[in-house]
Protein backbone atom coordinates (compact mmCIF):
# COMPACT_ATOMS: atom_id res chain seq x y z
CA MET A 1 0.00 0.00 0.00
CA THR A 2 1.34 3.44 -0.90
CA GLU A 3 2.51 5.85 1.76
CA ALA A 4 -0.27 8.29 0.84
CA SER A 5 -2.88 5.56 1.24
CA ILE A 6 -1.54 4.62 4.67
CA ARG A 7 -1.63 8.26 5.80
CA ALA A 8 -5.17 8.68 4.48
CA LEU A 9 -6.36 5.59 6.35
CA GLU A 10 -4.64 6.59 9.61
CA GLY A 11 -6.70 9.76 9.97
CA LEU A 12 -9.90 8.37 8.49
CA ARG A 13 -13.05 9.68 10.19
CA ASP A 14 -11.04 10.82 13.20
CA PHE A 15 -13.16 13.51 14.84
CA SER A 16 -10.20 14.70 16.91
CA THR A 17 -9.01 16.50 13.75
CA LEU A 18 -12.09 18.74 13.61
CA GLN A 19 -11.38 22.46 13.34
CA TRP A 20 -13.61 25.44 14.18
CA TYR A 21 -13.48 26.79 10.62
CA ALA A 22 -15.72 23.90 9.57
CA ILE A 23 -18.61 25.50 11.46
CA PRO A 24 -18.85 28.74 9.42
CA LEU A 25 -18.35 26.74 6.23
CA LEU A 26 -21.26 24.51 7.21
CA ALA A 27 -23.34 27.59 8.05
CA ILE A 28 -22.63 29.05 4.60
CA VAL A 29 -23.78 25.84 2.90
CA PHE A 30 -26.90 25.74 5.10
CA TYR A 31 -27.69 29.37 4.32
CA ILE A 32 -27.33 28.91 0.57
CA TYR A 33 -29.56 25.84 0.57
CA THR A 34 -32.11 27.56 2.81
CA VAL A 35 -32.38 30.36 0.26
CA GLU A 36 -32.64 27.82 -2.57
CA VAL A 37 -35.42 25.91 -0.80
CA ARG A 38 -37.30 29.13 -0.12
CA GLN A 39 -37.06 30.21 -3.75
CA ALA A 40 -38.05 26.74 -4.96
CA ARG A 41 -41.13 26.69 -2.73
CA ALA A 42 -42.13 30.19 -3.81
CA GLY A 43 -41.69 29.60 -7.52
CA GLY A 44 -42.39 25.88 -7.71
CA ASP A 45 -39.10 25.31 -9.51
CA PHE A 46 -36.91 22.74 -7.77
CA ARG A 47 -34.37 22.31 -10.56
CA ALA A 48 -31.59 24.20 -8.77
CA LEU A 49 -31.90 21.88 -5.78
CA ALA A 50 -31.93 18.88 -8.10
CA ALA A 51 -28.72 20.13 -9.74
CA GLY A 52 -27.02 20.60 -6.37
CA ALA A 53 -28.08 17.17 -5.16
CA ALA A 54 -27.14 15.52 -8.45
CA VAL A 55 -23.55 16.77 -8.46
CA PHE A 56 -23.02 16.00 -4.78
CA GLY A 57 -24.48 12.50 -5.19
CA ALA A 58 -22.37 11.80 -8.27
CA ASP A 59 -19.24 12.77 -6.36
CA LEU A 60 -20.28 10.65 -3.38
CA LEU A 61 -20.59 7.63 -5.67
CA ASN A 62 -17.23 8.42 -7.28
CA GLU A 63 -15.55 8.65 -3.89
CA THR A 64 -17.09 5.36 -2.81
CA LEU A 65 -15.91 3.60 -5.97
CA ASN A 66 -12.50 5.20 -5.45
CA GLY A 67 -12.34 3.68 -1.97
CA TRP A 68 -13.23 0.27 -3.33
CA ILE A 69 -10.35 0.58 -5.82
CA LEU A 70 -8.01 0.91 -2.84
CA VAL A 71 -9.58 -2.14 -1.21
CA LEU A 72 -9.45 -4.30 -4.34
CA THR A 73 -5.93 -3.31 -5.43
CA GLY A 74 -4.43 -3.22 -1.96
CA ARG A 75 -2.20 -0.45 -3.24
CA SER A 76 -3.95 2.87 -3.85
CA ALA A 77 -7.18 4.50 -4.85
CA LEU A 78 -7.16 6.60 -8.02
CA TRP A 79 -6.75 9.63 -5.78
CA THR A 80 -6.06 10.06 -2.08
CA ALA A 81 -6.31 13.17 0.09
CA PRO A 82 -3.88 12.51 2.96
CA GLY A 83 -3.14 16.12 3.80
CA PRO A 84 -4.39 18.30 6.68
CA THR A 85 -8.19 18.55 6.95
CA ALA A 86 -10.93 19.22 9.47
CA LEU A 87 -12.21 15.69 8.81
CA ARG A 88 -11.23 13.01 6.31
CA THR A 89 -14.43 11.15 5.45
CA MET A 90 -12.97 8.75 2.86
CA VAL A 91 -9.45 8.18 1.59
CA GLY A 92 -10.01 10.65 -1.23
CA LEU A 93 -12.64 12.86 0.38
CA ASN A 94 -12.67 15.35 3.21
CA LEU A 95 -15.06 17.85 4.74
CA GLU A 96 -13.73 20.76 2.70
CA ILE A 97 -14.18 18.88 -0.57
CA MET A 98 -17.70 17.89 0.45
CA PHE A 99 -18.65 21.53 1.09
CA MET A 100 -17.32 22.47 -2.34
CA PHE A 101 -19.28 19.74 -4.13
CA ALA A 102 -22.42 20.63 -2.18
CA LEU A 103 -22.31 24.02 -3.94
CA LEU A 104 -20.85 23.10 -7.32
CA GLY A 105 -24.13 21.93 -8.84
CA LEU A 106 -25.80 25.19 -7.80
CA VAL A 107 -22.96 27.17 -9.38
CA TRP A 108 -23.43 25.27 -12.63
CA TYR A 109 -27.21 25.66 -12.62
CA HIS A 110 -27.18 29.39 -11.90
CA SER A 111 -24.66 29.94 -14.70
CA LEU A 112 -27.38 29.01 -17.19
CA SER A 113 -29.63 31.60 -18.82
CA HIS A 114 -32.48 29.05 -19.03
CA LYS A 115 -33.53 30.53 -22.35
CA PRO A 116 -34.92 27.89 -24.75
CA GLY A 117 -32.26 26.83 -27.23
CA ALA A 118 -29.56 29.00 -25.64
CA ARG A 119 -26.11 28.19 -27.00
CA ILE A 120 -22.57 29.38 -26.33
CA LEU A 121 -19.87 28.88 -28.97
CA GLY A 122 -22.25 26.52 -30.76
CA LEU A 123 -22.79 24.33 -27.70
CA GLN A 124 -25.99 23.97 -25.73
CA GLU A 125 -25.28 26.15 -22.70
CA GLY A 126 -25.69 23.33 -20.20
CA TRP A 127 -22.93 21.40 -21.92
CA PHE A 128 -20.79 24.51 -22.39
CA PHE A 129 -20.72 25.22 -18.66
CA ALA A 130 -20.32 21.51 -17.89
CA LEU A 131 -17.17 21.45 -20.01
CA ALA A 132 -15.94 24.79 -18.68
CA TYR A 133 -16.37 23.94 -15.01
CA SER A 134 -14.90 20.47 -15.51
CA ALA A 135 -11.80 22.08 -17.02
CA ILE A 136 -11.54 24.54 -14.12
CA CYS A 137 -11.86 21.71 -11.61
CA VAL A 138 -9.07 19.77 -13.32
CA VAL A 139 -6.81 22.83 -13.12
CA VAL A 140 -7.56 23.05 -9.39
CA GLU A 141 -6.79 19.32 -9.01
CA VAL A 142 -3.43 19.77 -10.71
CA ALA A 143 -2.61 22.59 -8.28
CA LEU A 144 -3.67 20.46 -5.30
CA ASN A 145 -1.57 17.59 -6.59
CA ALA A 146 1.44 19.87 -6.98
CA GLY A 147 0.95 20.93 -3.36
CA GLY A 148 0.80 17.34 -2.14
CA LEU A 149 -2.79 17.64 -0.91
CA LEU A 150 -4.19 15.35 -3.58
CA VAL A 151 -2.07 12.34 -4.53
CA TRP A 152 -2.27 10.32 -7.76
CA ASP A 153 -0.47 6.99 -8.08
CA TYR A 154 -1.48 5.58 -11.48
CA GLY A 155 -0.04 6.67 -14.82
CA PHE A 156 -3.43 6.68 -16.54
CA TRP A 157 -4.77 9.09 -13.87
CA ASN A 158 -2.08 11.71 -13.60
CA ALA A 159 -0.86 15.16 -14.60
CA ASN A 160 -0.14 14.37 -18.25
CA PRO A 161 -2.37 14.95 -21.29
CA LEU A 162 -3.65 11.36 -21.45
CA GLY A 163 -3.88 11.09 -17.68
CA LEU A 164 -5.89 14.29 -17.34
CA LEU A 165 -8.56 13.11 -19.79
CA PRO A 166 -10.11 10.48 -17.47
CA ILE A 167 -9.94 12.97 -14.61
CA PHE A 168 -11.83 15.47 -16.77
CA VAL A 169 -14.48 12.98 -17.94
CA LEU A 170 -14.87 10.57 -15.02
CA GLY A 171 -13.86 12.95 -12.27
CA TYR A 172 -16.09 15.87 -13.22
CA LEU A 173 -17.88 15.97 -16.56
CA TRP A 174 -20.27 13.16 -15.76
CA PHE A 175 -21.32 14.99 -12.58
CA PHE A 176 -22.58 17.92 -14.63
CA ALA A 177 -24.03 15.61 -17.27
CA TRP A 178 -25.99 13.90 -14.50
CA ALA A 179 -27.19 17.28 -13.23
CA LEU A 180 -28.24 18.23 -16.76
CA PHE A 181 -30.14 14.97 -17.10
CA ALA A 182 -31.85 15.51 -13.74
CA THR A 183 -32.85 19.11 -14.38
CA THR A 184 -34.37 18.34 -17.76
CA ARG A 185 -36.85 15.79 -16.40
CA LYS A 186 -40.48 16.83 -16.80
CA THR A 187 -41.48 16.58 -13.13
CA PRO A 188 -39.76 17.26 -9.79
CA ALA A 189 -40.40 13.65 -8.80
CA ALA A 190 -38.55 12.40 -11.87
CA ALA A 191 -35.71 14.88 -11.31
CA PHE A 192 -35.16 13.77 -7.73
CA ALA A 193 -35.47 10.12 -8.68
CA VAL A 194 -32.49 10.68 -10.99
CA THR A 195 -30.52 12.56 -8.32
CA GLY A 196 -31.21 9.81 -5.78
CA LEU A 197 -29.73 6.98 -7.83
CA PRO A 198 -26.03 7.68 -7.05
CA TYR A 199 -26.86 7.97 -3.34
CA GLY A 200 -28.57 4.59 -3.40
CA LEU A 201 -25.66 2.92 -5.19
CA ALA A 202 -23.15 4.49 -2.79
CA PHE A 203 -25.20 3.32 0.19
CA LEU A 204 -25.20 -0.26 -1.12
CA LEU A 205 -21.43 -0.13 -1.54
CA TRP A 206 -21.06 1.18 2.02
CA ILE A 207 -23.11 -1.74 3.29
CA ALA A 208 -20.93 -4.13 1.29
CA ALA A 209 -17.83 -2.54 2.83
CA ALA A 210 -19.25 -2.85 6.33
CA LEU A 211 -20.12 -6.50 5.77
CA ALA A 212 -16.66 -7.17 4.34
CA GLY A 213 -15.00 -5.36 7.25
CA VAL A 214 -13.04 -2.95 5.06
CA ARG A 215 -12.40 0.77 5.51
CA PHE A 216 -12.01 3.43 2.88
């Protein structure tokens, strides 16, 4: 097992690492979602909430699968986050990352004009911003990797042109694609059924991990 994996497992879900700055960050997330819920109830449009939940759920599933990669290989997940954090929740996920992904879907959704047929540079605007934000996120990942906060161990998932492509597509683009799929459903029930699928799959994988007695 890699040194980064060992360090990530040593501090896993250790509440003694909690820091006070997590409280205002949590309050900010709560405030933003409170405003979103209020606006959704007033206007009857729950698509922003569906987008936020879709991106967060997609990341949660990704992080769970990433943990299983560590378990199955016995070496390393595709990415690990062994650096300082208020709370490491999985080997590649911490509280700060979770707060970011809780808001990322809302950022994407509110970037859209919501005008029928709206396009940017020839692309449907939902896809344009999905590609743009995925690219920005990859740039941030490269910076975090350079700082040792996010560790990659495999050559096909690394800071080279071919290695960045799966990070771009599997690490981010499908999150926004899932949000786009959810927010274009005809009813709120259908939208939230779509957003709930990654959560359900992640939950099943957590149960499997608990039954197998593994940690990630």
